[in-house]
Amino acid sequence: MIRIFTLSVQFFLILLLISNSFSSEGQRTNFRFYQYNKENKLNEELVKSSRQDSLGVYYFATDDGVLFLHNDNFVPLILPEGKSNYFKELFKRKSGELLAVSDDAVYKIKGSFEKAELKLFIECNTDPSKPKYPKHLFEDQKNDLWITDYNHIYRYKGDTVEKFRMDEKNLTSSYIRSFQFLECDNGNLIVVSQKGWFYNFDSQNNTFTESDFNLNLIIHSSFKIGANEFLLGTSEGIIKILFDSQAKVIREDVITENIMASCFARISDNKILIGTWFQGLAELDIADKYSVSNVGGFPYFTVNDIFLDDFGKYWASTNSGAVLMEKKFFSYQFQSSNSEYIASIDLSDDGNVNFAGTMSLFKVNDKKDIERLPVNFEGSLHVFKSLGDLKLIGTEQGRLYVFKGEDLLLDIAVSNQAVTSIQIPSEQIAWVVANKELFEVNLSTGKVKSYLDSFRGKRIVQDICLDSKKNLYIGGEFKHSYLFKYDLAKDEIINISKPISFAIGEDFWVIDLEMNKDTLYMGTSEGLLKYTENLVERVDLGEMSNSEVNSVAIDKQNSIWLTTSKGVVRKQKADISLFTQEQGLPSKTFINRSLLVDSKNYLWVGTSNGIAFASVSGSILPTPMPLVYSADNEGKLILQNNSVSMRANSMLLLDVAASIYPQKQNKFQYCTINASQKNLDWKELSAKNQILLSDLKSGDYKICIRGKHEGNYTWSEHRIIPLVVKQVWYLSWYTILTEILIVSFLIYLTNEYSKRRTKMNLLALEKIVSDRTIQLQNANESLSTANIAKDKFLSIIAHDLRNPFNAIRGFSRILIKDSDSLTEEEKNELIETIYRSSDDTFKLLESLLEWANVQKGNFKLNVEEFDLKSLLEKNLSIHKSLGLLKGLEVKGEFDPVNVKADKAMIDTVIRNLMSNAIKFSFSGQTITLSLNRTNGFVVIKVSDQGIGMTEKQLEQLFKIDTVFTSEGTANESGTGFGLMLCKEFVELNGGEIWAESVKDKGTSFFFSIPKIK
């Protein structure tokens, strides 16, 4: 709690000191601030110093190295390995060379718009002859470079470093400050240490001699303000030191107390910015008795350094980041209050500016301060005009007050509506507009004459103005009655409205008139119109061309100034600039006819929140030429006139930036032109400031890019980038010519080939006819053979079916007729015979049905993966039992093997082959079931030692026209049709079936199945 209380007291005392340190006068210079800190990518916020190199690139010395600003990104420069990253100062030499001072070295910065580099310049801390912990650099009139460290001074000349030993009493207590260099115009060089000791450099003896003068104060900073005159920032305020021609102090003045200045920067000849250690930023006015005022709105307490860049902007280095400071174009700061609603502005005969609020009149003096005029009237002031000592005030209530000096001459009721415009051609006559009606007022008698009838009884008068010959021009309403002129000789008003050739609404009106030589400018509800003897035309204001213009003024450079709903607009030739509250305007609401330019070429603007002014005599600052980068991972800078290329019908993406900051205040336009184009069709870049080009035909183009910084800046010079759009290879002229030649040659070859082909086709056709005739004959023979085979097959089937059915019928009749005479044993024998015959017939029909389904395609495979070994073992077990009934040995031995097939079909094939082997074997013989792997297949083999077959019988196997009935060794019946079914099943599963046999020695059947890879 005690610590918190102590800190609070300290903070309060600092704030109290700050409030007492500065003058109570208003702010002298109106600044706009833009902060760079962690919120916008500046990770190291303790910034010691900042500078701009000769290319215009910005660098920042921080406690974490040197950073350079690349398109709103802070990029660290790579340090040599093992070197300190604590940097204290950046220094730009007269040659443009940029140096950086760290704890243990001085570096040169090799500038680049893409990637800057640090080059070791002077190695420090290495031996006693080199600087130890260098702090500050200075370059004298001879271009010698001076370096200070914690206690001594060094000079770098040529390629050598020379050390000047200083007294131990000069040992600095600051991390970043030691000696300050003061060089007079006559070449005298004085250094003052941080402890306040002064030394003069004796160039003849090449040594520093101690001066009789010392301050016994801590010296933080110095700044040259005259030939031999300097400001010193000390621990007890700012002190002005004046030297004579012998470098002796002849005058010492305390400018201001309690301001601990850390740095200085010049604003103008008489105004200086002051950075402080804990009091923020202040402004010193040398011409105004060294008055000091705080810079309002500056965001931080500690300022380490300030520098003025090439574009007139100030960069303040602080402990909390860098602050970009831009002088606002407009100022509205006065010593007196300036927040009143401005009803009217007028320029007096002596060139001074008078303006009026709703209740008071004011005069602006030479010091840009406000004086209230002692004029009293009733009602609310609406318009004010003066001529010499005459002052005319028109009120909201329609009254006209005429003053001569401070004396009221006349109080005239002109109308029951507000007086909106006044012109005074002479001391006897005034023209007055009230309630859209024009009046002539006699300033001697107070007589009022209405000219309503001159406008056919219509109230259309909006504004009036006088030319140099005191001719009166009258702004009206509507397309055919927008401008009139008063003919003094005839005392009549003439409609001089010219036909308008461009599109404009029927119902529009004139708001303000401004005469410039022989040209009349009209601010209207539909833009700015220019009226001359020959024609009337709309003035091009870019995107604001159709915007309502409330006020018009013209400065001494013939720039046109306007007020619109968007802000104050300046048009200088083709350049158009917009000024808003960001440039110092106190309000975005402007009063009609509230612009004027005074005799000193200051522009004055009346707003709803006070009056603002700006010097328009200075030149308009040019925006630097845009920087263009390739929008890819490399992001290379495209230099002026360096061409880029792309393919037709492809896309090209470019990034655009500017060397002036902040980047968000830049806007860019581009256009793409070829040799035949004359007009530039400018296009705004996207929010990302990127150019996307696509759909360009092949040819040579130029990409023109320009930039404009917000505020008092013109458009930049054009960045010209030649663009070559290459034709895609297949559309290039040489490719097309080659294609034509190839096509022509192909046509020739095709023609020749067609001739030969025709001849060959005739011969081939004859051969085809002959072959087709032979094929038809062969087909007829095959069809005849197939019919014969079918008939034979059907006869075999019929024969095989007839025999079992005859047996069934015969034995069944015996059982029916002779049942009583048959023994039980005979009956059982007949029944068994009938069963065997019907069972054989059923099997035959079942096989026939399955075969028929396969032929018709109705039999669907049910493929699955399974272990063939288990299926073989199951069949081996079944047929071992069947073999025992006939006295046969059935054996087999298998290894596990996985196959992918229809398991039921394979089971049927094995069962048929095993049954046939048993059927055609004799008692005592052996049947073997085995498998073998070969060439991606599994081969199953069923062999017996039975009756065998002849070669002729082998050839007739598996053929439909050779199916024959055969009996087994135990009179078993069979048709051979089961082998036909086996063949179909094996082939459906992607395999083959074949047989080997020797008559009376046995038969071996083989079939294959693809195995799983």
Foldseek 3Di string as FASTA:
>chain_A
DVVVVVVVVVVVVLVVLLVVFADPFWDDFAKFKDFDFVVQANDFQQWQEKDAFPVLWIWTQGQQAIWIQAQSHTHHADDPPPDGRHWHYWDAFPVRWIWTAGQFFIWTWADDNAHIHTHTQAGGPPDPQHAHRWADWDAFPVRWIWIDHQAWIWIQDDNDIGTAGDDPVQRDPDNHAFKAWAAALVGWIWIATQQFWIWTQDVVVRHTDTDPDGDRWGWQYKDDLDRQWMWTQTPFAIKIFGADPVRHTPDIGHQTTSFRFNEWDDLDSFKIWTFGAFNGIWMFGNVVSRHIHGNPPRDGGGWNYWDQGPQRWIWTRGSRGIMIMDGFQKAFGASDDFFAFWQEWEAEPVQWIWTDGQFWIWTQDPVRHIDTAQEHDDATWRYWYDYQQWIWTWHQQQWIWIDRRRRTDDIARQDRGTWHEWDDLDCQWIWTAGQLWIWIAGNVPRDIDTPCVLVVNDSFWAYWDADPVRWIKTAGWFQQQGIWTQDPVVRGIGRPRDHDPDDDDRTKTFQEWDDDPQWIWTQIQQAIWIDHPPDIDQDDQDPCSGFGWQEWEAFPLRWIWTQTLQAIWTDDPPWIAHHDVSSPDPDSAFHGHAWYATPQRKIWTGGNTGIMIGRPPDAQAAFAEKWKFFPDPSRDTQAFAAADEEEAQDKGKMAIFGSDDDGQQKWKWKAKADPPDDDGDIDTADPRRMDMDGNDDFDKIWIWMWMFGHDRYTIHHTRIYIYGHHYDPCPDPVNVVVVVVVVVVVVVVVVVVVVVVVVVVVVVVVVVVVVVVVVVVVVVVVVVVVVVLVVLLVVQLVVLLVVLVVLLVVLVVCCVPVVVVDDPVVNVVSVVSNVLSVVQNVVVVVLVVLLVCLVVVNDDWDKDKDWVVVLVVVLQVVLCVVLVVQQEAEDEDEDTFIAITRSVLVSLLSNVLSVVQSQFAHHPWYWYWYWDDDDQKIKIKIKTQGQWDDPVVQVLQLDSSSFAWDGGPVRHTDGSSSRVSNQSRLVVQPKGKGKDTDGNGIIMIMMIHGGDD
